[in-house]
Amino acid sequence: MSAMGMQGYLAGVADSDLFGCLAFLSLILCLTALSRRARQSSWHRFLTYFVLASVVAIHGAGTWFGNVKPA
């Protein structure tokens, strides 16, 4: 991947509302986790897993693109 490809990837991720949405959803999940009933619901567990998996996937994609040798 060329430097322009990496630049395009990072610009696309940074310009999207993805990080903002993940941060907002994480805040909501943290606040609702204060309630034991909400914390034990299947929806809460699923959304928590989804947010964590998304952050790991974005990090993995960025790491992979960052380590690809230029053509």
PDB file of N, CA and C in Angstrom:
ATOM      1  N   MET A   1       0.850  -1.173   0.000  1.00  0.00           N
ATOM      2  CA  MET A   1       0.000   0.000   0.000  1.00  0.00           C
ATOM      3  C   MET A   1       0.888   1.227   0.000  1.00  0.00           C
ATOM      4  N   SER A   2       0.578   2.145  -0.849  1.00  0.00           N
ATOM      5  CA  SER A   2       1.382   3.362  -0.935  1.00  0.00           C
ATOM      6  C   SER A   2       1.033   4.307   0.208  1.00  0.00           C
ATOM      7  N   ALA A   3       1.846   5.351   0.317  1.00  0.00           N
ATOM      8  CA  ALA A   3       1.603   6.348   1.355  1.00  0.00           C
ATOM      9  C   ALA A   3       0.262   7.034   1.128  1.00  0.00           C
ATOM     10  N   MET A   4      -0.113   7.223  -0.130  1.00  0.00           N
ATOM     11  CA  MET A   4      -1.400   7.855  -0.421  1.00  0.00           C
ATOM     12  C   MET A   4      -2.542   6.939  -0.004  1.00  0.00           C
ATOM     13  N   GLY A   5      -2.376   5.628  -0.174  1.00  0.00           N
ATOM     14  CA  GLY A   5      -3.409   4.690   0.250  1.00  0.00           C
ATOM     15  C   GLY A   5      -3.596   4.715   1.756  1.00  0.00           C
ATOM     16  N   MET A   6      -2.497   4.761   2.480  1.00  0.00           N
ATOM     17  CA  MET A   6      -2.562   4.838   3.940  1.00  0.00           C
ATOM     18  C   MET A   6      -3.170   6.159   4.365  1.00  0.00           C
ATOM     19  N   GLN A   7      -2.799   7.225   3.681  1.00  0.00           N
ATOM     20  CA  GLN A   7      -3.353   8.539   3.980  1.00  0.00           C
ATOM     21  C   GLN A   7      -4.856   8.548   3.740  1.00  0.00           C
ATOM     22  N   GLY A   8      -5.279   7.918   2.660  1.00  0.00           N
ATOM     23  CA  GLY A   8      -6.703   7.841   2.346  1.00  0.00           C
ATOM     24  C   GLY A   8      -7.464   7.036   3.380  1.00  0.00           C
ATOM     25  N   TYR A   9      -6.870   5.924   3.813  1.00  0.00           N
ATOM     26  CA  TYR A   9      -7.504   5.101   4.848  1.00  0.00           C
ATOM     27  C   TYR A   9      -7.666   5.887   6.144  1.00  0.00           C
ATOM     28  N   LEU A  10      -6.580   6.519   6.585  1.00  0.00           N
ATOM     29  CA  LEU A  10      -6.629   7.271   7.838  1.00  0.00           C
ATOM     30  C   LEU A  10      -7.577   8.465   7.735  1.00  0.00           C
ATOM     31  N   ALA A  11      -7.592   9.127   6.589  1.00  0.00           N
ATOM     32  CA  ALA A  11      -8.503  10.260   6.410  1.00  0.00           C
ATOM     33  C   ALA A  11      -9.944   9.788   6.432  1.00  0.00           C
ATOM     34  N   GLY A  12     -10.217   8.649   5.817  1.00  0.00           N
ATOM     35  CA  GLY A  12     -11.576   8.118   5.806  1.00  0.00           C
ATOM     36  C   GLY A  12     -12.054   7.731   7.186  1.00  0.00           C
ATOM     37  N   VAL A  13     -11.181   7.117   7.961  1.00  0.00           N
ATOM     38  CA  VAL A  13     -11.548   6.716   9.313  1.00  0.00           C
ATOM     39  C   VAL A  13     -11.702   7.938  10.206  1.00  0.00           C
ATOM     40  N   ALA A  14     -10.782   8.886  10.077  1.00  0.00           N
ATOM     41  CA  ALA A  14     -10.821  10.068  10.935  1.00  0.00           C
ATOM     42  C   ALA A  14     -11.995  10.976  10.593  1.00  0.00           C
ATOM     43  N   ASP A  15     -12.342  11.070   9.308  1.00  0.00           N
ATOM     44  CA  ASP A  15     -13.428  11.949   8.900  1.00  0.00           C
ATOM     45  C   ASP A  15     -14.803  11.344   9.138  1.00  0.00           C
ATOM     46  N   SER A  16     -14.866  10.041   9.279  1.00  0.00           N
ATOM     47  CA  SER A  16     -16.164   9.423   9.502  1.00  0.00           C
ATOM     48  C   SER A  16     -16.601   9.652  10.938  1.00  0.00           C
ATOM     49  N   ASP A  17     -17.851   9.427  11.179  1.00  0.00           N
ATOM     50  CA  ASP A  17     -18.389   9.576  12.525  1.00  0.00           C
ATOM     51  C   ASP A  17     -18.227   8.289  13.331  1.00  0.00           C
ATOM     52  N   LEU A  18     -17.429   7.360  12.821  1.00  0.00           N
ATOM     53  CA  LEU A  18     -17.279   6.068  13.470  1.00  0.00           C
ATOM     54  C   LEU A  18     -16.742   6.194  14.890  1.00  0.00           C
ATOM     55  N   PHE A  19     -15.665   6.932  15.063  1.00  0.00           N
ATOM     56  CA  PHE A  19     -15.085   7.053  16.401  1.00  0.00           C
ATOM     57  C   PHE A  19     -16.011   7.807  17.344  1.00  0.00           C
ATOM     58  N   GLY A  20     -16.668   8.820  16.843  1.00  0.00           N
ATOM     59  CA  GLY A  20     -17.610   9.556  17.670  1.00  0.00           C
ATOM     60  C   GLY A  20     -18.770   8.684  18.108  1.00  0.00           C
ATOM     61  N   CYS A  21     -19.296   7.892  17.191  1.00  0.00           N
ATOM     62  CA  CYS A  21     -20.404   6.991  17.530  1.00  0.00           C
ATOM     63  C   CYS A  21     -19.948   5.930  18.523  1.00  0.00           C
ATOM     64  N   LEU A  22     -18.763   5.376  18.317  1.00  0.00           N
ATOM     65  CA  LEU A  22     -18.253   4.374  19.246  1.00  0.00           C
ATOM     66  C   LEU A  22     -18.010   4.978  20.626  1.00  0.00           C
ATOM     67  N   ALA A  23     -17.501   6.198  20.671  1.00  0.00           N
ATOM     68  CA  ALA A  23     -17.267   6.862  21.949  1.00  0.00           C
ATOM     69  C   ALA A  23     -18.585   7.153  22.655  1.00  0.00           C
ATOM     70  N   PHE A  24     -19.571   7.621  21.926  1.00  0.00           N
ATOM     71  CA  PHE A  24     -20.874   7.919  22.514  1.00  0.00           C
ATOM     72  C   PHE A  24     -21.546   6.641  23.010  1.00  0.00           C
ATOM     73  N   LEU A  25     -21.489   5.583  22.210  1.00  0.00           N
ATOM     74  CA  LEU A  25     -22.064   4.304  22.621  1.00  0.00           C
ATOM     75  C   LEU A  25     -21.329   3.739  23.832  1.00  0.00           C
ATOM     76  N   SER A  26     -20.025   3.910  23.880  1.00  0.00           N
ATOM     77  CA  SER A  26     -19.246   3.455  25.036  1.00  0.00           C
ATOM     78  C   SER A  26     -19.659   4.207  26.292  1.00  0.00           C
ATOM     79  N   LEU A  27     -19.877   5.509  26.173  1.00  0.00           N
ATOM     80  CA  LEU A  27     -20.333   6.304  27.317  1.00  0.00           C
ATOM     81  C   LEU A  27     -21.695   5.826  27.808  1.00  0.00           C
ATOM     82  N   ILE A  28     -22.595   5.604  26.884  1.00  0.00           N
ATOM     83  CA  ILE A  28     -23.923   5.112  27.268  1.00  0.00           C
ATOM     84  C   ILE A  28     -23.820   3.749  27.947  1.00  0.00           C
ATOM     85  N   LEU A  29     -22.994   2.867  27.402  1.00  0.00           N
ATOM     86  CA  LEU A  29     -22.828   1.543  28.002  1.00  0.00           C
ATOM     87  C   LEU A  29     -22.210   1.637  29.395  1.00  0.00           C
ATOM     88  N   CYS A  30     -21.257   2.532  29.573  1.00  0.00           N
ATOM     89  CA  CYS A  30     -20.647   2.710  30.902  1.00  0.00           C
ATOM     90  C   CYS A  30     -21.663   3.224  31.918  1.00  0.00           C
ATOM     91  N   LEU A  31     -22.472   4.168  31.493  1.00  0.00           N
ATOM     92  CA  LEU A  31     -23.464   4.726  32.410  1.00  0.00           C
ATOM     93  C   LEU A  31     -24.567   3.721  32.735  1.00  0.00           C
ATOM     94  N   THR A  32     -25.005   2.966  31.734  1.00  0.00           N
ATOM     95  CA  THR A  32     -26.048   1.974  31.996  1.00  0.00           C
ATOM     96  C   THR A  32     -25.504   0.773  32.752  1.00  0.00           C
ATOM     97  N   ALA A  33     -24.195   0.567  32.718  1.00  0.00           N
ATOM     98  CA  ALA A  33     -23.596  -0.555  33.458  1.00  0.00           C
ATOM     99  C   ALA A  33     -23.649  -0.333  34.958  1.00  0.00           C
ATOM    100  N   LEU A  34     -23.977   0.879  35.380  1.00  0.00           N
ATOM    101  CA  LEU A  34     -24.128   1.137  36.815  1.00  0.00           C
ATOM    102  C   LEU A  34     -25.330   0.395  37.384  1.00  0.00           C
ATOM    103  N   SER A  35     -26.278   0.074  36.532  1.00  0.00           N
ATOM    104  CA  SER A  35     -27.454  -0.682  36.951  1.00  0.00           C
ATOM    105  C   SER A  35     -27.205  -2.171  36.742  1.00  0.00           C
ATOM    106  N   ARG A  36     -27.385  -2.949  37.778  1.00  0.00           N
ATOM    107  CA  ARG A  36     -27.140  -4.393  37.674  1.00  0.00           C
ATOM    108  C   ARG A  36     -28.083  -5.046  36.667  1.00  0.00           C
ATOM    109  N   ARG A  37     -29.351  -4.632  36.671  1.00  0.00           N
ATOM    110  CA  ARG A  37     -30.325  -5.224  35.744  1.00  0.00           C
ATOM    111  C   ARG A  37     -29.938  -4.961  34.293  1.00  0.00           C
ATOM    112  N   ALA A  38     -29.530  -3.733  33.990  1.00  0.00           N
ATOM    113  CA  ALA A  38     -29.126  -3.392  32.618  1.00  0.00           C
ATOM    114  C   ALA A  38     -27.844  -4.123  32.240  1.00  0.00           C
ATOM    115  N   ARG A  39     -26.921  -4.211  33.174  1.00  0.00           N
ATOM    116  CA  ARG A  39     -25.627  -4.850  32.908  1.00  0.00           C
ATOM    117  C   ARG A  39     -25.787  -6.329  32.578  1.00  0.00           C
ATOM    118  N   GLN A  40     -26.793  -6.975  33.141  1.00  0.00           N
ATOM    119  CA  GLN A  40     -26.992  -8.401  32.921  1.00  0.00           C
ATOM    120  C   GLN A  40     -27.893  -8.719  31.734  1.00  0.00           C
ATOM    121  N   SER A  41     -28.398  -7.689  31.054  1.00  0.00           N
ATOM    122  CA  SER A  41     -29.267  -7.943  29.905  1.00  0.00           C
ATOM    123  C   SER A  41     -28.432  -8.402  28.708  1.00  0.00           C
ATOM    124  N   SER A  42     -29.063  -9.170  27.862  1.00  0.00           N
ATOM    125  CA  SER A  42     -28.343  -9.695  26.691  1.00  0.00           C
ATOM    126  C   SER A  42     -28.009  -8.577  25.698  1.00  0.00           C
ATOM    127  N   TRP A  43     -28.876  -7.556  25.585  1.00  0.00           N
ATOM    128  CA  TRP A  43     -28.593  -6.443  24.681  1.00  0.00           C
ATOM    129  C   TRP A  43     -27.361  -5.669  25.129  1.00  0.00           C
ATOM    130  N   HIS A  44     -27.266  -5.452  26.425  1.00  0.00           N
ATOM    131  CA  HIS A  44     -26.113  -4.710  26.950  1.00  0.00           C
ATOM    132  C   HIS A  44     -24.826  -5.487  26.695  1.00  0.00           C
ATOM    133  N   ARG A  45     -24.864  -6.762  26.932  1.00  0.00           N
ATOM    134  CA  ARG A  45     -23.670  -7.590  26.685  1.00  0.00           C
ATOM    135  C   ARG A  45     -23.307  -7.612  25.211  1.00  0.00           C
ATOM    136  N   PHE A  46     -24.318  -7.734  24.342  1.00  0.00           N
ATOM    137  CA  PHE A  46     -24.059  -7.755  22.906  1.00  0.00           C
ATOM    138  C   PHE A  46     -23.448  -6.433  22.439  1.00  0.00           C
ATOM    139  N   LEU A  47     -24.032  -5.302  22.865  1.00  0.00           N
ATOM    140  CA  LEU A  47     -23.504  -3.998  22.451  1.00  0.00           C
ATOM    141  C   LEU A  47     -22.100  -3.755  22.987  1.00  0.00           C
ATOM    142  N   THR A  48     -21.839  -4.194  24.209  1.00  0.00           N
ATOM    143  CA  THR A  48     -20.490  -4.050  24.768  1.00  0.00           C
ATOM    144  C   THR A  48     -19.487  -4.855  23.943  1.00  0.00           C
ATOM    145  N   TYR A  49     -19.847  -6.076  23.613  1.00  0.00           N
ATOM    146  CA  TYR A  49     -18.979  -6.915  22.782  1.00  0.00           C
ATOM    147  C   TYR A  49     -18.774  -6.273  21.407  1.00  0.00           C
ATOM    148  N   PHE A  50     -19.843  -5.743  20.824  1.00  0.00           N
ATOM    149  CA  PHE A  50     -19.762  -5.121  19.507  1.00  0.00           C
ATOM    150  C   PHE A  50     -18.813  -3.927  19.518  1.00  0.00           C
ATOM    151  N   VAL A  51     -18.927  -3.067  20.522  1.00  0.00           N
ATOM    152  CA  VAL A  51     -18.062  -1.880  20.608  1.00  0.00           C
ATOM    153  C   VAL A  51     -16.602  -2.300  20.771  1.00  0.00           C
ATOM    154  N   LEU A  52     -16.349  -3.238  21.668  1.00  0.00           N
ATOM    155  CA  LEU A  52     -14.974  -3.688  21.881  1.00  0.00           C
ATOM    156  C   LEU A  52     -14.401  -4.363  20.636  1.00  0.00           C
ATOM    157  N   ALA A  53     -15.202  -5.188  19.968  1.00  0.00           N
ATOM    158  CA  ALA A  53     -14.740  -5.860  18.754  1.00  0.00           C
ATOM    159  C   ALA A  53     -14.475  -4.849  17.639  1.00  0.00           C
ATOM    160  N   SER A  54     -15.283  -3.807  17.558  1.00  0.00           N
ATOM    161  CA  SER A  54     -15.085  -2.776  16.534  1.00  0.00           C
ATOM    162  C   SER A  54     -13.780  -2.025  16.751  1.00  0.00           C
ATOM    163  N   VAL A  55     -13.491  -1.676  17.984  1.00  0.00           N
ATOM    164  CA  VAL A  55     -12.245  -0.965  18.284  1.00  0.00           C
ATOM    165  C   VAL A  55     -11.044  -1.845  17.935  1.00  0.00           C
ATOM    166  N   VAL A  56     -11.114  -3.117  18.282  1.00  0.00           N
ATOM    167  CA  VAL A  56     -10.015  -4.039  17.967  1.00  0.00           C
ATOM    168  C   VAL A  56      -9.866  -4.200  16.451  1.00  0.00           C
ATOM    169  N   ALA A  57     -10.978  -4.289  15.726  1.00  0.00           N
ATOM    170  CA  ALA A  57     -10.910  -4.436  14.267  1.00  0.00           C
ATOM    171  C   ALA A  57     -10.301  -3.197  13.610  1.00  0.00           C
ATOM    172  N   ILE A  58     -10.682  -2.014  14.077  1.00  0.00           N
ATOM    173  CA  ILE A  58     -10.119  -0.786  13.524  1.00  0.00           C
ATOM    174  C   ILE A  58      -8.625  -0.713  13.814  1.00  0.00           C
ATOM    175  N   HIS A  59      -8.235  -1.078  15.017  1.00  0.00           N
ATOM    176  CA  HIS A  59      -6.815  -1.079  15.369  1.00  0.00           C
ATOM    177  C   HIS A  59      -6.049  -2.088  14.514  1.00  0.00           C
ATOM    178  N   GLY A  60      -6.608  -3.270  14.335  1.00  0.00           N
ATOM    179  CA  GLY A  60      -5.956  -4.298  13.517  1.00  0.00           C
ATOM    180  C   GLY A  60      -5.801  -3.864  12.070  1.00  0.00           C
ATOM    181  N   ALA A  61      -6.833  -3.242  11.514  1.00  0.00           N
ATOM    182  CA  ALA A  61      -6.754  -2.766  10.126  1.00  0.00           C
ATOM    183  C   ALA A  61      -5.717  -1.662   9.994  1.00  0.00           C
ATOM    184  N   GLY A  62      -5.683  -0.748  10.943  1.00  0.00           N
ATOM    185  CA  GLY A  62      -4.687   0.323  10.904  1.00  0.00           C
ATOM    186  C   GLY A  62      -3.276  -0.196  11.038  1.00  0.00           C
ATOM    187  N   THR A  63      -3.097  -1.187  11.914  1.00  0.00           N
ATOM    188  CA  THR A  63      -1.771  -1.790  12.086  1.00  0.00           C
ATOM    189  C   THR A  63      -1.342  -2.512  10.816  1.00  0.00           C
ATOM    190  N   TRP A  64      -2.271  -3.247  10.202  1.00  0.00           N
ATOM    191  CA  TRP A  64      -1.942  -3.973   8.984  1.00  0.00           C
ATOM    192  C   TRP A  64      -1.577  -2.996   7.872  1.00  0.00           C
ATOM    193  N   PHE A  65      -2.403  -1.955   7.661  1.00  0.00           N
ATOM    194  CA  PHE A  65      -2.097  -0.979   6.621  1.00  0.00           C
ATOM    195  C   PHE A  65      -0.794  -0.256   6.908  1.00  0.00           C
ATOM    196  N   GLY A  66      -0.508  -0.021   8.159  1.00  0.00           N
ATOM    197  CA  GLY A  66       0.722   0.671   8.521  1.00  0.00           C
ATOM    198  C   GLY A  66       1.965  -0.161   8.286  1.00  0.00           C
ATOM    199  N   ASN A  67       1.837  -1.477   8.279  1.00  0.00           N
ATOM    200  CA  ASN A  67       2.997  -2.360   8.118  1.00  0.00           C
ATOM    201  C   ASN A  67       3.160  -2.883   6.692  1.00  0.00           C
ATOM    202  N   VAL A  68       2.261  -2.556   5.787  1.00  0.00           N
ATOM    203  CA  VAL A  68       2.378  -3.003   4.404  1.00  0.00           C
ATOM    204  C   VAL A  68       3.479  -2.205   3.730  1.00  0.00           C
ATOM    205  N   LYS A  69       4.363  -2.913   3.063  1.00  0.00           N
ATOM    206  CA  LYS A  69       5.469  -2.242   2.361  1.00  0.00           C
ATOM    207  C   LYS A  69       4.943  -1.502   1.145  1.00  0.00           C
ATOM    208  N   PRO A  70       5.465  -0.314   0.886  1.00  0.00           N
ATOM    209  CA  PRO A  70       5.036   0.432  -0.316  1.00  0.00           C
ATOM    210  C   PRO A  70       5.390  -0.332  -1.574  1.00  0.00           C
ATOM    211  N   ALA A  71       4.547  -0.164  -2.589  1.00  0.00           N
ATOM    212  CA  ALA A  71       4.772  -0.858  -3.868  1.00  0.00           C
ATOM    213  C   ALA A  71       5.866  -0.223  -4.656  1.00  0.00           C
TER     214      ALA A  71
END
